[in-house]
PDB file of N, CA and C in Angstrom:
ATOM      1  N   UNK A   1       0.850  -1.174   0.000  1.00  0.00           N
ATOM      2  CA  UNK A   1       0.000   0.000   0.000  1.00  0.00           C
ATOM      3  C   UNK A   1       0.894   1.234   0.000  1.00  0.00           C
ATOM      4  N   UNK A   2       0.380   2.294  -0.574  1.00  0.00           N
ATOM      5  CA  UNK A   2       1.140   3.529  -0.642  1.00  0.00           C
ATOM      6  C   UNK A   2       0.246   4.696  -0.241  1.00  0.00           C
ATOM      7  N   UNK A   3       0.752   5.562   0.630  1.00  0.00           N
ATOM      8  CA  UNK A   3       0.037   6.766   1.051  1.00  0.00           C
ATOM      9  C   UNK A   3       0.964   7.958   0.900  1.00  0.00           C
ATOM     10  N   UNK A   4       0.378   9.100   0.575  1.00  0.00           N
ATOM     11  CA  UNK A   4       1.169  10.328   0.559  1.00  0.00           C
ATOM     12  C   UNK A   4       1.161  10.917   1.966  1.00  0.00           C
ATOM     13  N   UNK A   5       2.107  11.796   2.199  1.00  0.00           N
ATOM     14  CA  UNK A   5       2.207  12.417   3.513  1.00  0.00           C
ATOM     15  C   UNK A   5       0.927  13.176   3.858  1.00  0.00           C
ATOM     16  N   UNK A   6       0.299  13.817   2.885  1.00  0.00           N
ATOM     17  CA  UNK A   6      -0.926  14.564   3.151  1.00  0.00           C
ATOM     18  C   UNK A   6      -2.116  13.630   3.409  1.00  0.00           C
ATOM     19  N   UNK A   7      -2.083  12.424   2.865  1.00  0.00           N
ATOM     20  CA  UNK A   7      -3.168  11.469   3.095  1.00  0.00           C
ATOM     21  C   UNK A   7      -3.124  10.850   4.493  1.00  0.00           C
ATOM     22  N   UNK A   8      -1.998  10.935   5.151  1.00  0.00           N
ATOM     23  CA  UNK A   8      -1.875  10.325   6.480  1.00  0.00           C
ATOM     24  C   UNK A   8      -2.888  10.891   7.466  1.00  0.00           C
ATOM     25  N   UNK A   9      -3.137  12.184   7.385  1.00  0.00           N
ATOM     26  CA  UNK A   9      -4.098  12.809   8.304  1.00  0.00           C
ATOM     27  C   UNK A   9      -5.504  12.283   8.098  1.00  0.00           C
ATOM     28  N   UNK A  10      -5.916  12.206   6.877  1.00  0.00           N
ATOM     29  CA  UNK A  10      -7.303  11.841   6.616  1.00  0.00           C
ATOM     30  C   UNK A  10      -7.515  10.342   6.440  1.00  0.00           C
ATOM     31  N   UNK A  11      -6.449   9.597   6.178  1.00  0.00           N
ATOM     32  CA  UNK A  11      -6.581   8.157   5.929  1.00  0.00           C
ATOM     33  C   UNK A  11      -5.766   7.326   6.921  1.00  0.00           C
ATOM     34  N   UNK A  12      -5.619   7.817   8.141  1.00  0.00           N
ATOM     35  CA  UNK A  12      -4.821   7.073   9.114  1.00  0.00           C
ATOM     36  C   UNK A  12      -5.431   5.704   9.424  1.00  0.00           C
ATOM     37  N   UNK A  13      -6.761   5.585   9.335  1.00  0.00           N
ATOM     38  CA  UNK A  13      -7.391   4.287   9.565  1.00  0.00           C
ATOM     39  C   UNK A  13      -6.981   3.284   8.498  1.00  0.00           C
ATOM     40  N   UNK A  14      -6.811   3.740   7.266  1.00  0.00           N
ATOM     41  CA  UNK A  14      -6.356   2.850   6.190  1.00  0.00           C
ATOM     42  C   UNK A  14      -4.950   2.336   6.485  1.00  0.00           C
ATOM     43  N   UNK A  15      -4.105   3.178   7.057  1.00  0.00           N
ATOM     44  CA  UNK A  15      -2.760   2.771   7.439  1.00  0.00           C
ATOM     45  C   UNK A  15      -2.825   1.679   8.509  1.00  0.00           C
ATOM     46  N   UNK A  16      -3.637   1.907   9.529  1.00  0.00           N
ATOM     47  CA  UNK A  16      -3.774   0.935  10.613  1.00  0.00           C
ATOM     48  C   UNK A  16      -4.350  -0.380  10.100  1.00  0.00           C
ATOM     49  N   UNK A  17      -5.364  -0.296   9.254  1.00  0.00           N
ATOM     50  CA  UNK A  17      -5.966  -1.516   8.693  1.00  0.00           C
ATOM     51  C   UNK A  17      -4.955  -2.310   7.874  1.00  0.00           C
ATOM     52  N   UNK A  18      -4.138  -1.615   7.090  1.00  0.00           N
ATOM     53  CA  UNK A  18      -3.121  -2.298   6.286  1.00  0.00           C
ATOM     54  C   UNK A  18      -2.100  -2.993   7.186  1.00  0.00           C
ATOM     55  N   UNK A  19      -1.702  -2.334   8.259  1.00  0.00           N
ATOM     56  CA  UNK A  19      -0.750  -2.947   9.187  1.00  0.00           C
ATOM     57  C   UNK A  19      -1.350  -4.165   9.878  1.00  0.00           C
ATOM     58  N   UNK A  20      -2.650  -4.085  10.211  1.00  0.00           N
ATOM     59  CA  UNK A  20      -3.323  -5.239  10.816  1.00  0.00           C
ATOM     60  C   UNK A  20      -3.358  -6.428   9.862  1.00  0.00           C
ATOM     61  N   UNK A  21      -3.452  -6.150   8.568  1.00  0.00           N
ATOM     62  CA  UNK A  21      -3.457  -7.212   7.562  1.00  0.00           C
ATOM     63  C   UNK A  21      -2.059  -7.752   7.300  1.00  0.00           C
ATOM     64  N   UNK A  22      -1.049  -7.120   7.877  1.00  0.00           N
ATOM     65  CA  UNK A  22       0.326  -7.570   7.690  1.00  0.00           C
ATOM     66  C   UNK A  22       1.019  -6.924   6.508  1.00  0.00           C
ATOM     67  N   UNK A  23       0.445  -5.877   5.953  1.00  0.00           N
ATOM     68  CA  UNK A  23       1.028  -5.195   4.797  1.00  0.00           C
ATOM     69  C   UNK A  23       1.993  -4.103   5.249  1.00  0.00           C
ATOM     70  N   UNK A  24       2.996  -3.875   4.445  1.00  0.00           N
ATOM     71  CA  UNK A  24       3.872  -2.726   4.646  1.00  0.00           C
ATOM     72  C   UNK A  24       3.270  -1.546   3.898  1.00  0.00           C
ATOM     73  N   UNK A  25       3.480  -0.335   4.422  1.00  0.00           N
ATOM     74  CA  UNK A  25       2.906   0.870   3.820  1.00  0.00           C
ATOM     75  C   UNK A  25       4.036   1.838   3.488  1.00  0.00           C
ATOM     76  N   UNK A  26       4.090   2.255   2.216  1.00  0.00           N
ATOM     77  CA  UNK A  26       5.070   3.239   1.778  1.00  0.00           C
ATOM     78  C   UNK A  26       4.486   4.635   1.941  1.00  0.00           C
ATOM     79  N   UNK A  27       5.272   5.533   2.510  1.00  0.00           N
ATOM     80  CA  UNK A  27       4.861   6.928   2.682  1.00  0.00           C
ATOM     81  C   UNK A  27       5.678   7.765   1.697  1.00  0.00           C
ATOM     82  N   UNK A  28       4.968   8.521   0.865  1.00  0.00           N
ATOM     83  CA  UNK A  28       5.653   9.355  -0.121  1.00  0.00           C
ATOM     84  C   UNK A  28       5.359  10.836   0.149  1.00  0.00           C
ATOM     85  N   UNK A  29       6.253  11.684  -0.331  1.00  0.00           N
ATOM     86  CA  UNK A  29       6.093  13.135  -0.221  1.00  0.00           C
ATOM     87  C   UNK A  29       6.593  13.734  -1.523  1.00  0.00           C
ATOM     88  N   UNK A  30       5.704  14.381  -2.235  1.00  0.00           N
ATOM     89  CA  UNK A  30       6.001  14.947  -3.553  1.00  0.00           C
ATOM     90  C   UNK A  30       6.585  13.890  -4.481  1.00  0.00           C
ATOM     91  N   UNK A  31       6.014  12.693  -4.426  1.00  0.00           N
ATOM     92  CA  UNK A  31       6.413  11.629  -5.330  1.00  0.00           C
ATOM     93  C   UNK A  31       7.656  10.858  -4.928  1.00  0.00           C
ATOM     94  N   UNK A  32       8.324  11.271  -3.866  1.00  0.00           N
ATOM     95  CA  UNK A  32       9.530  10.575  -3.430  1.00  0.00           C
ATOM     96  C   UNK A  32       9.242   9.777  -2.159  1.00  0.00           C
ATOM     97  N   UNK A  33       9.819   8.628  -2.099  1.00  0.00           N
ATOM     98  CA  UNK A  33       9.607   7.741  -0.959  1.00  0.00           C
ATOM     99  C   UNK A  33      10.274   8.313   0.289  1.00  0.00           C
ATOM    100  N   UNK A  34       9.462   8.535   1.326  1.00  0.00           N
ATOM    101  CA  UNK A  34       9.998   8.996   2.614  1.00  0.00           C
ATOM    102  C   UNK A  34      10.399   7.830   3.500  1.00  0.00           C
ATOM    103  N   UNK A  35       9.553   6.823   3.533  1.00  0.00           N
ATOM    104  CA  UNK A  35       9.836   5.688   4.393  1.00  0.00           C
ATOM    105  C   UNK A  35       8.792   4.611   4.225  1.00  0.00           C
ATOM    106  N   UNK A  36       9.043   3.523   4.906  1.00  0.00           N
ATOM    107  CA  UNK A  36       8.147   2.382   4.848  1.00  0.00           C
ATOM    108  C   UNK A  36       7.780   1.996   6.276  1.00  0.00           C
ATOM    109  N   UNK A  37       6.496   1.820   6.513  1.00  0.00           N
ATOM    110  CA  UNK A  37       6.007   1.391   7.818  1.00  0.00           C
ATOM    111  C   UNK A  37       5.690  -0.094   7.708  1.00  0.00           C
ATOM    112  N   UNK A  38       6.320  -0.874   8.585  1.00  0.00           N
ATOM    113  CA  UNK A  38       6.119  -2.326   8.582  1.00  0.00           C
ATOM    114  C   UNK A  38       5.286  -2.727   9.795  1.00  0.00           C
ATOM    115  N   UNK A  39       4.494  -3.782   9.678  1.00  0.00           N
ATOM    116  CA  UNK A  39       3.749  -4.261  10.846  1.00  0.00           C
ATOM    117  C   UNK A  39       4.715  -4.836  11.880  1.00  0.00           C
ATOM    118  N   UNK A  40       4.336  -4.712  13.132  1.00  0.00           N
ATOM    119  CA  UNK A  40       5.172  -5.236  14.212  1.00  0.00           C
ATOM    120  C   UNK A  40       5.166  -6.753  14.160  1.00  0.00           C
ATOM    121  N   UNK A  41       6.308  -7.334  14.414  1.00  0.00           N
ATOM    122  CA  UNK A  41       6.405  -8.784  14.467  1.00  0.00           C
ATOM    123  C   UNK A  41       6.096  -9.229  15.889  1.00  0.00           C
ATOM    124  N   UNK A  42       5.395 -10.326  16.002  1.00  0.00           N
ATOM    125  CA  UNK A  42       5.178 -10.865  17.336  1.00  0.00           C
ATOM    126  C   UNK A  42       6.489 -11.482  17.793  1.00  0.00           C
ATOM    127  N   UNK A  43       6.917 -11.083  18.955  1.00  0.00           N
ATOM    128  CA  UNK A  43       8.233 -11.488  19.436  1.00  0.00           C
ATOM    129  C   UNK A  43       8.227 -12.863  20.085  1.00  0.00           C
ATOM    130  N   UNK A  44       7.056 -13.414  20.282  1.00  0.00           N
ATOM    131  CA  UNK A  44       7.022 -14.703  20.942  1.00  0.00           C
ATOM    132  C   UNK A  44       5.913 -15.577  20.363  1.00  0.00           C
ATOM    133  N   UNK A  45       6.062 -16.840  20.576  1.00  0.00           N
ATOM    134  CA  UNK A  45       5.049 -17.777  20.127  1.00  0.00           C
ATOM    135  C   UNK A  45       3.951 -17.873  21.178  1.00  0.00           C
ATOM    136  N   UNK A  46       2.890 -18.533  20.828  1.00  0.00           N
ATOM    137  CA  UNK A  46       1.789 -18.711  21.772  1.00  0.00           C
ATOM    138  C   UNK A  46       2.267 -19.473  22.999  1.00  0.00           C
ATOM    139  N   UNK A  47       3.101 -20.476  22.795  1.00  0.00           N
ATOM    140  CA  UNK A  47       3.611 -21.261  23.919  1.00  0.00           C
ATOM    141  C   UNK A  47       4.447 -20.390  24.859  1.00  0.00           C
ATOM    142  N   UNK A  48       5.280 -19.507  24.304  1.00  0.00           N
ATOM    143  CA  UNK A  48       6.085 -18.605  25.134  1.00  0.00           C
ATOM    144  C   UNK A  48       5.197 -17.653  25.914  1.00  0.00           C
ATOM    145  N   UNK A  49       4.114 -17.162  25.294  1.00  0.00           N
ATOM    146  CA  UNK A  49       3.194 -16.275  25.990  1.00  0.00           C
ATOM    147  C   UNK A  49       2.494 -17.008  27.125  1.00  0.00           C
ATOM    148  N   UNK A  50       2.063 -18.257  26.878  1.00  0.00           N
ATOM    149  CA  UNK A  50       1.401 -19.022  27.928  1.00  0.00           C
ATOM    150  C   UNK A  50       2.355 -19.313  29.078  1.00  0.00           C
ATOM    151  N   UNK A  51       3.619 -19.601  28.776  1.00  0.00           N
ATOM    152  CA  UNK A  51       4.605 -19.836  29.828  1.00  0.00           C
ATOM    153  C   UNK A  51       4.847 -18.575  30.645  1.00  0.00           C
ATOM    154  N   UNK A  52       4.912 -17.431  29.971  1.00  0.00           N
ATOM    155  CA  UNK A  52       5.121 -16.172  30.682  1.00  0.00           C
ATOM    156  C   UNK A  52       3.936 -15.861  31.589  1.00  0.00           C
ATOM    157  N   UNK A  53       2.720 -16.116  31.104  1.00  0.00           N
ATOM    158  CA  UNK A  53       1.535 -15.886  31.939  1.00  0.00           C
ATOM    159  C   UNK A  53       1.525 -16.829  33.135  1.00  0.00           C
ATOM    160  N   UNK A  54       1.914 -18.080  32.927  1.00  0.00           N
ATOM    161  CA  UNK A  54       1.948 -19.041  34.029  1.00  0.00           C
ATOM    162  C   UNK A  54       2.976 -18.611  35.074  1.00  0.00           C
ATOM    163  N   UNK A  55       4.121 -18.114  34.616  1.00  0.00           N
ATOM    164  CA  UNK A  55       5.130 -17.622  35.565  1.00  0.00           C
ATOM    165  C   UNK A  55       4.628 -16.419  36.344  1.00  0.00           C
ATOM    166  N   UNK A  56       3.965 -15.506  35.643  1.00  0.00           N
ATOM    167  CA  UNK A  56       3.478 -14.294  36.311  1.00  0.00           C
ATOM    168  C   UNK A  56       2.383 -14.613  37.321  1.00  0.00           C
ATOM    169  N   UNK A  57       1.385 -15.359  36.891  1.00  0.00           N
ATOM    170  CA  UNK A  57       0.261 -15.628  37.774  1.00  0.00           C
ATOM    171  C   UNK A  57       0.588 -16.656  38.847  1.00  0.00           C
ATOM    172  N   UNK A  58       1.666 -17.377  38.690  1.00  0.00           N
ATOM    173  CA  UNK A  58       2.054 -18.348  39.696  1.00  0.00           C
ATOM    174  C   UNK A  58       3.261 -17.906  40.503  1.00  0.00           C
ATOM    175  N   UNK A  59       3.499 -16.589  40.576  1.00  0.00           N
ATOM    176  CA  UNK A  59       4.709 -16.101  41.232  1.00  0.00           C
ATOM    177  C   UNK A  59       4.738 -16.394  42.731  1.00  0.00           C
ATOM    178  N   UNK A  60       3.595 -16.690  43.329  1.00  0.00           N
ATOM    179  CA  UNK A  60       3.553 -16.987  44.757  1.00  0.00           C
ATOM    180  C   UNK A  60       3.300 -18.465  45.015  1.00  0.00           C
ATOM    181  N   UNK A  61       3.606 -19.300  44.062  1.00  0.00           N
ATOM    182  CA  UNK A  61       3.297 -20.722  44.224  1.00  0.00           C
ATOM    183  C   UNK A  61       4.078 -21.363  45.353  1.00  0.00           C
ATOM    184  N   UNK A  62       5.213 -20.782  45.737  1.00  0.00           N
ATOM    185  CA  UNK A  62       5.990 -21.340  46.843  1.00  0.00           C
ATOM    186  C   UNK A  62       5.356 -21.042  48.205  1.00  0.00           C
ATOM    187  N   UNK A  63       4.276 -20.278  48.230  1.00  0.00           N
ATOM    188  CA  UNK A  63       3.597 -19.931  49.484  1.00  0.00           C
ATOM    189  C   UNK A  63       2.457 -20.893  49.814  1.00  0.00           C
ATOM    190  N   UNK A  64       2.340 -21.972  49.066  1.00  0.00           N
ATOM    191  CA  UNK A  64       1.289 -22.965  49.287  1.00  0.00           C
ATOM    192  C   UNK A  64      -0.104 -22.357  49.232  1.00  0.00           C
ATOM    193  N   UNK A  65      -0.342 -21.553  48.219  1.00  0.00           N
ATOM    194  CA  UNK A  65      -1.651 -20.936  48.020  1.00  0.00           C
ATOM    195  C   UNK A  65      -2.369 -21.716  46.929  1.00  0.00           C
ATOM    196  N   UNK A  66      -3.597 -22.134  47.225  1.00  0.00           N
ATOM    197  CA  UNK A  66      -4.311 -23.031  46.317  1.00  0.00           C
ATOM    198  C   UNK A  66      -4.870 -22.332  45.088  1.00  0.00           C
ATOM    199  N   UNK A  67      -5.445 -21.156  45.251  1.00  0.00           N
ATOM    200  CA  UNK A  67      -6.103 -20.512  44.128  1.00  0.00           C
ATOM    201  C   UNK A  67      -5.928 -19.012  44.146  1.00  0.00           C
ATOM    202  N   UNK A  68      -6.554 -18.385  43.183  1.00  0.00           N
ATOM    203  CA  UNK A  68      -6.448 -16.934  43.038  1.00  0.00           C
ATOM    204  C   UNK A  68      -7.039 -16.216  44.247  1.00  0.00           C
ATOM    205  N   UNK A  69      -8.189 -16.704  44.719  1.00  0.00           N
ATOM    206  CA  UNK A  69      -8.831 -16.058  45.868  1.00  0.00           C
ATOM    207  C   UNK A  69      -7.924 -16.100  47.086  1.00  0.00           C
ATOM    208  N   UNK A  70      -7.300 -17.247  47.333  1.00  0.00           N
ATOM    209  CA  UNK A  70      -6.385 -17.366  48.464  1.00  0.00           C
ATOM    210  C   UNK A  70      -5.176 -16.456  48.296  1.00  0.00           C
ATOM    211  N   UNK A  71      -4.704 -16.348  47.069  1.00  0.00           N
ATOM    212  CA  UNK A  71      -3.559 -15.482  46.811  1.00  0.00           C
ATOM    213  C   UNK A  71      -3.914 -14.020  47.066  1.00  0.00           C
ATOM    214  N   UNK A  72      -5.104 -13.602  46.626  1.00  0.00           N
ATOM    215  CA  UNK A  72      -5.534 -12.225  46.883  1.00  0.00           C
ATOM    216  C   UNK A  72      -5.698 -11.965  48.370  1.00  0.00           C
ATOM    217  N   UNK A  73      -6.257 -12.926  49.088  1.00  0.00           N
ATOM    218  CA  UNK A  73      -6.379 -12.769  50.544  1.00  0.00           C
ATOM    219  C   UNK A  73      -5.005 -12.612  51.180  1.00  0.00           C
ATOM    220  N   UNK A  74      -4.047 -13.402  50.718  1.00  0.00           N
ATOM    221  CA  UNK A  74      -2.684 -13.317  51.257  1.00  0.00           C
ATOM    222  C   UNK A  74      -2.077 -11.944  50.972  1.00  0.00           C
ATOM    223  N   UNK A  75      -2.251 -11.456  49.762  1.00  0.00           N
ATOM    224  CA  UNK A  75      -1.680 -10.162  49.381  1.00  0.00           C
ATOM    225  C   UNK A  75      -2.327  -9.032  50.170  1.00  0.00           C
ATOM    226  N   UNK A  76      -3.637  -9.079  50.346  1.00  0.00           N
ATOM    227  CA  UNK A  76      -4.367  -8.012  51.030  1.00  0.00           C
ATOM    228  C   UNK A  76      -4.243  -8.084  52.541  1.00  0.00           C
ATOM    229  N   UNK A  77      -3.738  -9.197  53.044  1.00  0.00           N
ATOM    230  CA  UNK A  77      -3.663  -9.407  54.482  1.00  0.00           C
ATOM    231  C   UNK A  77      -2.808  -8.352  55.157  1.00  0.00           C
ATOM    232  N   UNK A  78      -1.770  -7.942  54.543  1.00  0.00           N
ATOM    233  CA  UNK A  78      -0.890  -6.957  55.158  1.00  0.00           C
ATOM    234  C   UNK A  78       0.192  -7.627  55.976  1.00  0.00           C
ATOM    235  N   UNK A  79       0.983  -6.810  56.657  1.00  0.00           N
ATOM    236  CA  UNK A  79       2.112  -7.363  57.417  1.00  0.00           C
ATOM    237  C   UNK A  79       1.752  -7.725  58.839  1.00  0.00           C
ATOM    238  N   UNK A  80       0.731  -7.114  59.396  1.00  0.00           N
ATOM    239  CA  UNK A  80       0.412  -7.324  60.804  1.00  0.00           C
ATOM    240  C   UNK A  80      -0.794  -8.243  60.938  1.00  0.00           C
ATOM    241  N   UNK A  81      -0.723  -9.133  61.911  1.00  0.00           N
ATOM    242  CA  UNK A  81      -1.810 -10.076  62.137  1.00  0.00           C
ATOM    243  C   UNK A  81      -2.807  -9.556  63.178  1.00  0.00           C
ATOM    244  N   UNK A  82      -2.339  -8.830  64.188  1.00  0.00           N
ATOM    245  CA  UNK A  82      -3.213  -8.334  65.248  1.00  0.00           C
ATOM    246  C   UNK A  82      -2.879  -6.879  65.547  1.00  0.00           C
ATOM    247  N   UNK A  83      -3.688  -6.259  66.380  1.00  0.00           N
ATOM    248  CA  UNK A  83      -3.413  -4.881  66.786  1.00  0.00           C
ATOM    249  C   UNK A  83      -2.167  -4.800  67.661  1.00  0.00           C
ATOM    250  N   UNK A  84      -1.796  -5.881  68.328  1.00  0.00           N
ATOM    251  CA  UNK A  84      -0.600  -5.898  69.151  1.00  0.00           C
ATOM    252  C   UNK A  84       0.665  -5.677  68.322  1.00  0.00           C
ATOM    253  N   UNK A  85       0.611  -6.073  67.072  1.00  0.00           N
ATOM    254  CA  UNK A  85       1.789  -5.948  66.218  1.00  0.00           C
ATOM    255  C   UNK A  85       2.096  -4.504  65.850  1.00  0.00           C
ATOM    256  N   UNK A  86       1.206  -3.583  66.200  1.00  0.00           N
ATOM    257  CA  UNK A  86       1.409  -2.160  65.863  1.00  0.00           C
ATOM    258  C   UNK A  86       2.379  -1.574  66.782  1.00  0.00           C
TER     259      UNK A  86
END
């Protein structure tokens, strides 16, 4: 796809749609090529993303917490157990 510099303002959605489709977009100014916009490459596979999510959401697994609710209770509990600890 090719867009002129002046078309970028009014046709920015066309640029985004082309990038979503995986197309590169050439930007021209007075008939000369200014640059090329390429779609972002996904840096990881689905398996890598799932592993990263498992690591993130299981970061407290060494605390013997069974589920998300228990983990939230643990996090919200705070440092003190009783008023005496103040």
